[in-house]
Protein backbone atom coordinates (compact mmCIF):
# COMPACT_ATOMS: atom_id res chain seq x y z
CA MET A 1 -12.94 87.64 -14.77
CA SER A 2 -14.61 90.41 -13.22
CA GLU A 3 -14.00 92.27 -10.19
CA TYR A 4 -17.56 92.34 -9.25
CA CYS A 5 -20.48 89.48 -9.35
CA THR A 6 -24.06 89.80 -11.04
CA CYS A 7 -25.10 90.51 -8.06
CA GLY A 8 -23.09 93.39 -7.02
CA ALA A 9 -20.87 92.60 -5.66
CA GLU A 10 -16.94 93.86 -5.52
CA LEU A 11 -14.10 90.32 -6.33
CA PRO A 12 -11.27 89.78 -4.00
CA PRO A 13 -8.97 88.61 -7.06
CA ASP A 14 -8.68 84.82 -7.98
CA ALA A 15 -11.94 84.52 -6.34
CA ARG A 16 -13.39 81.27 -6.69
CA PHE A 17 -17.00 81.70 -6.34
CA CYS A 18 -18.99 85.09 -5.17
CA HIS A 19 -18.46 85.95 -0.99
CA LYS A 20 -21.98 87.94 -1.14
CA CYS A 21 -24.11 85.20 -2.94
CA GLY A 22 -21.75 82.27 -3.58
CA LYS A 23 -22.03 82.14 -7.58
CA PRO A 24 -19.34 80.20 -9.28
CA GLN A 25 -16.90 83.17 -10.26
CA ARG A 26 -15.06 80.77 -13.38
CA ASP A 27 -15.89 77.07 -14.75
CA GLU A 28 -13.91 74.41 -12.79
CA PRO A 29 -13.27 70.94 -13.94
CA LEU A 30 -16.04 68.30 -12.20
CA LEU A 31 -13.85 66.15 -9.71
CA VAL A 32 -15.07 62.69 -10.08
CA GLU A 33 -14.57 60.26 -6.91
CA GLU A 34 -12.99 57.05 -8.24
CA PRO A 35 -14.49 54.27 -6.53
CA PRO A 36 -11.71 52.26 -4.52
CA ALA A 37 -9.51 49.31 -5.85
CA ALA A 38 -10.60 45.98 -5.24
CA PRO A 39 -8.00 44.20 -2.84
CA PRO A 40 -6.42 41.66 -5.05
CA PRO A 41 -7.82 38.16 -4.82
CA PRO A 42 -6.04 35.98 -2.32
CA PRO A 43 -3.44 32.84 -4.69
CA PRO A 44 -5.28 29.75 -4.60
CA VAL A 45 -4.23 27.25 -1.75
CA ALA A 46 -2.83 24.52 -2.61
CA VAL A 47 -5.00 21.66 -1.94
CA PRO A 48 -3.08 18.32 -1.52
CA LEU A 49 -3.97 15.20 -4.32
CA GLN A 50 -5.80 12.34 -3.20
CA ILE A 51 -3.72 9.01 -2.27
CA GLY A 52 -4.63 7.31 -5.43
CA PHE A 53 -3.54 5.71 -8.78
CA ARG A 54 -3.50 8.44 -9.86
CA ASN A 55 -1.22 10.03 -7.93
CA PRO A 56 2.29 10.77 -9.70
CA LEU A 57 4.09 10.09 -6.51
CA ALA A 58 2.10 8.00 -4.80
CA PHE A 59 2.57 5.59 -7.48
CA ARG A 60 6.36 5.95 -8.01
CA ILE A 61 6.79 5.02 -3.99
CA GLY A 62 4.66 2.61 -4.49
CA PHE A 63 6.48 1.11 -7.33
CA LEU A 64 9.86 1.54 -5.94
CA SER A 65 8.79 -0.34 -3.24
CA ALA A 66 7.20 -3.83 -4.99
CA LEU A 67 10.82 -3.95 -6.78
CA LEU A 68 12.20 -3.30 -3.83
CA ALA A 69 11.04 -6.12 -2.21
CA PHE A 70 11.20 -8.34 -5.50
CA LEU A 71 15.13 -8.20 -5.34
CA LEU A 72 14.81 -8.55 -1.42
CA THR A 73 13.10 -11.40 -2.24
CA LEU A 74 14.92 -12.70 -4.67
CA LEU A 75 18.52 -12.25 -4.20
CA VAL A 76 18.17 -12.55 -0.34
CA SER A 77 15.66 -14.77 1.13
CA PRO A 78 12.92 -16.17 -1.32
CA ALA A 79 10.61 -17.49 1.05
CA CYS A 80 10.50 -15.23 3.27
CA PRO A 81 7.65 -12.72 3.46
CA VAL A 82 8.25 -9.81 5.67
CA TRP A 83 9.31 -8.49 2.84
CA LEU A 84 6.19 -7.86 1.38
CA ALA A 85 5.15 -5.98 4.86
CA ALA A 86 7.63 -4.13 4.84
CA ALA A 87 7.02 -2.52 1.46
CA GLY A 88 3.87 -1.27 2.51
CA PHE A 89 5.92 0.16 5.77
CA LEU A 90 8.39 1.94 3.33
CA GLY A 91 5.73 2.95 1.27
CA VAL A 92 4.06 4.69 3.79
CA TYR A 93 7.89 6.16 5.07
CA LEU A 94 8.64 7.67 1.67
CA TYR A 95 4.78 9.26 0.59
CA ARG A 96 5.30 11.18 4.48
CA ARG A 97 8.96 11.39 3.84
CA ARG A 98 8.28 13.17 0.57
CA SER A 99 5.17 14.69 0.33
CA GLY A 100 5.44 16.61 4.01
CA GLU A 101 1.68 14.85 4.97
CA SER A 102 0.89 13.44 7.32
CA LEU A 103 -1.26 10.22 6.42
CA SER A 104 -3.76 8.86 8.16
CA ALA A 105 -5.06 5.36 8.73
CA ARG A 106 -7.62 5.09 6.35
CA SER A 107 -4.50 7.33 3.65
CA ALA A 108 -2.04 4.69 5.10
CA ALA A 109 -3.74 1.61 4.24
CA LYS A 110 -4.78 2.89 0.74
CA MET A 111 -1.39 3.61 -0.05
CA GLY A 112 -0.29 0.30 0.72
CA TRP A 113 -3.22 -0.63 -0.67
CA ILE A 114 -1.46 0.60 -4.17
CA THR A 115 1.83 -0.71 -3.08
CA GLY A 116 0.54 -4.24 -2.73
CA VAL A 117 -1.18 -4.53 -6.19
CA LEU A 118 1.73 -2.92 -7.62
CA THR A 119 4.04 -5.51 -5.92
CA PHE A 120 1.37 -8.49 -7.17
CA LEU A 121 2.10 -6.47 -11.05
CA VAL A 122 6.00 -7.45 -10.13
CA PHE A 123 5.79 -10.59 -9.12
CA SER A 124 2.87 -12.01 -11.09
CA LEU A 125 5.21 -12.88 -13.89
CA PRO A 126 8.25 -14.69 -12.88
CA ALA A 127 6.30 -16.30 -11.00
CA VAL A 128 4.21 -18.26 -13.52
CA PHE A 129 7.34 -18.79 -15.36
CA ALA A 130 8.82 -19.96 -12.52
CA TYR A 131 6.00 -22.41 -11.38
CA LEU A 132 4.99 -23.66 -15.78
CA ASP A 133 8.87 -24.61 -15.52
CA GLU A 134 8.56 -26.36 -12.99
CA ILE A 135 4.90 -28.94 -13.45
CA ALA A 136 6.75 -29.32 -16.16
CA SER A 137 9.42 -31.07 -14.93
CA PRO A 138 10.19 -34.73 -14.07
CA ASP A 139 11.06 -34.22 -9.87
CA TYR A 140 7.41 -31.88 -9.51
CA ILE A 141 5.52 -35.24 -11.11
CA ALA A 142 7.86 -37.50 -9.02
CA HIS A 143 6.76 -35.17 -5.73
CA MET A 144 2.97 -35.20 -6.64
CA ARG A 145 3.20 -39.27 -7.07
CA GLN A 146 4.61 -39.23 -3.45
CA GLN A 147 2.29 -36.74 -1.62
CA LEU A 148 -0.99 -38.81 -4.05
CA ASN A 149 0.70 -41.29 -1.99
CA SER A 150 0.21 -40.48 0.41
CA TRP A 151 -3.25 -39.75 0.80
CA ALA A 152 -3.95 -43.11 -0.29
CA PHE A 153 -5.66 -42.32 -3.87
CA PRO A 154 -5.58 -45.39 -5.98
CA VAL A 155 -2.46 -45.44 -8.31
CA GLN A 156 -5.69 -45.70 -11.36
CA VAL A 157 -6.54 -42.23 -9.82
CA GLN A 158 -2.57 -40.76 -9.01
CA ASN A 159 -2.83 -41.64 -12.96
CA GLN A 160 -5.50 -40.18 -14.11
CA MET A 161 -5.19 -36.21 -11.84
CA ILE A 162 -1.34 -36.45 -12.80
CA ALA A 163 -2.14 -36.44 -16.55
CA SER A 164 -4.99 -33.65 -16.00
CA MET A 165 -2.55 -31.44 -14.69
CA GLN A 166 -0.49 -31.51 -17.49
CA THR A 167 -3.03 -30.74 -20.01
CA PRO A 168 -2.91 -26.81 -21.19
CA ALA A 169 -6.76 -26.61 -19.27
CA GLY A 170 -5.01 -28.07 -15.88
CA MET A 171 -2.11 -25.85 -16.22
CA ALA A 172 -4.00 -22.77 -17.01
CA ALA A 173 -6.43 -23.65 -14.04
CA GLN A 174 -2.65 -24.30 -12.00
CA VAL A 175 -2.11 -21.04 -12.94
CA VAL A 176 -5.15 -19.60 -12.00
CA THR A 177 -4.87 -21.14 -8.63
CA LEU A 178 -1.41 -19.43 -8.20
CA LEU A 179 -2.36 -16.04 -9.01
CA VAL A 180 -5.64 -15.71 -6.91
CA MET A 181 -2.78 -17.18 -4.10
CA LEU A 182 -0.26 -14.79 -4.83
CA PHE A 183 -2.48 -11.96 -5.14
CA ALA A 184 -4.26 -12.65 -2.58
CA LEU A 185 -0.36 -12.35 -0.46
CA ALA A 186 1.04 -9.56 -2.76
CA THR A 187 -1.54 -7.23 -1.42
CA LEU A 188 -2.82 -8.10 2.21
CA LEU A 189 1.04 -8.45 3.59
CA PRO A 190 1.21 -4.80 1.82
CA LEU A 191 -2.56 -3.01 3.50
CA LEU A 192 -0.94 -4.45 7.33
CA GLY A 193 2.64 -3.19 6.68
CA SER A 194 1.03 0.38 6.08
CA LEU A 195 -1.10 -0.25 8.78
CA VAL A 196 1.53 -0.67 11.33
CA ALA A 197 3.30 2.43 9.35
CA GLY A 198 1.01 4.87 9.99
CA LYS A 199 -0.03 3.98 13.19
CA VAL A 200 4.30 3.99 14.40
CA LEU A 201 4.57 6.99 12.65
CA GLY A 202 1.90 8.83 13.54
CA ARG A 203 3.40 9.28 16.39
CA LYS A 204 6.00 11.31 15.62
C-alpha cells in the first residue's frame, strides 16, 4: 500500500481510507447481510377425532360395553333391560376416561348410538336362533293356541294362523318383527343411558 493517496495526502500506516478524499486504499470483501432466519413453524395441534364408527377408540369402547351388557343379560337377568341402559352409560364413562375429553350432550348421544348399534349386533344372532328354536317347539304352539282361545278366535282360524306361522314365510316375518323390536330396544336404551351419563359426568 502506498504511503500517499492519489490526491497527495500522506496516509498513516494501515489506513483503509484517505482522511482527505475518502478514497479506499485497499480492496475489501463486500459484506452482504443475510436475512434473519424464519422462525420454525409451530407444532401441529392434535385435533381430536369426532365420535363415530371411524373413531377406533369409540368403536372399541362401544363393542366392549355391548359385550358386557350381553354377558350380564345372559348370566344375571335375561329379561332385565337395565343392562342395555348401563351399556350406554358405561360407554360414555370409559370414553371420557380414556380420551380425557369432556363430552357434550350431542357427543354423549353419539357414543350411546354407537354402543346401541353394536349392542343390537351382539344380541341379534343369539336372539334369532333362540327364537327360532322356541317357535318350533310344541310348547310354543300350545301357548299360542291358548292365547288365541283367550281372544275368542274360532278353532279353524286358530289352525290357519298357527299353520301360517310355521311356514318359512311366517317364520321369516316373525324373525323380522323380532329384529325390529330388538333394534328399537337395543339402541334407545343405551342412548338414554348415554344421555344420563353425559349429564351426570358433565358436572364433574
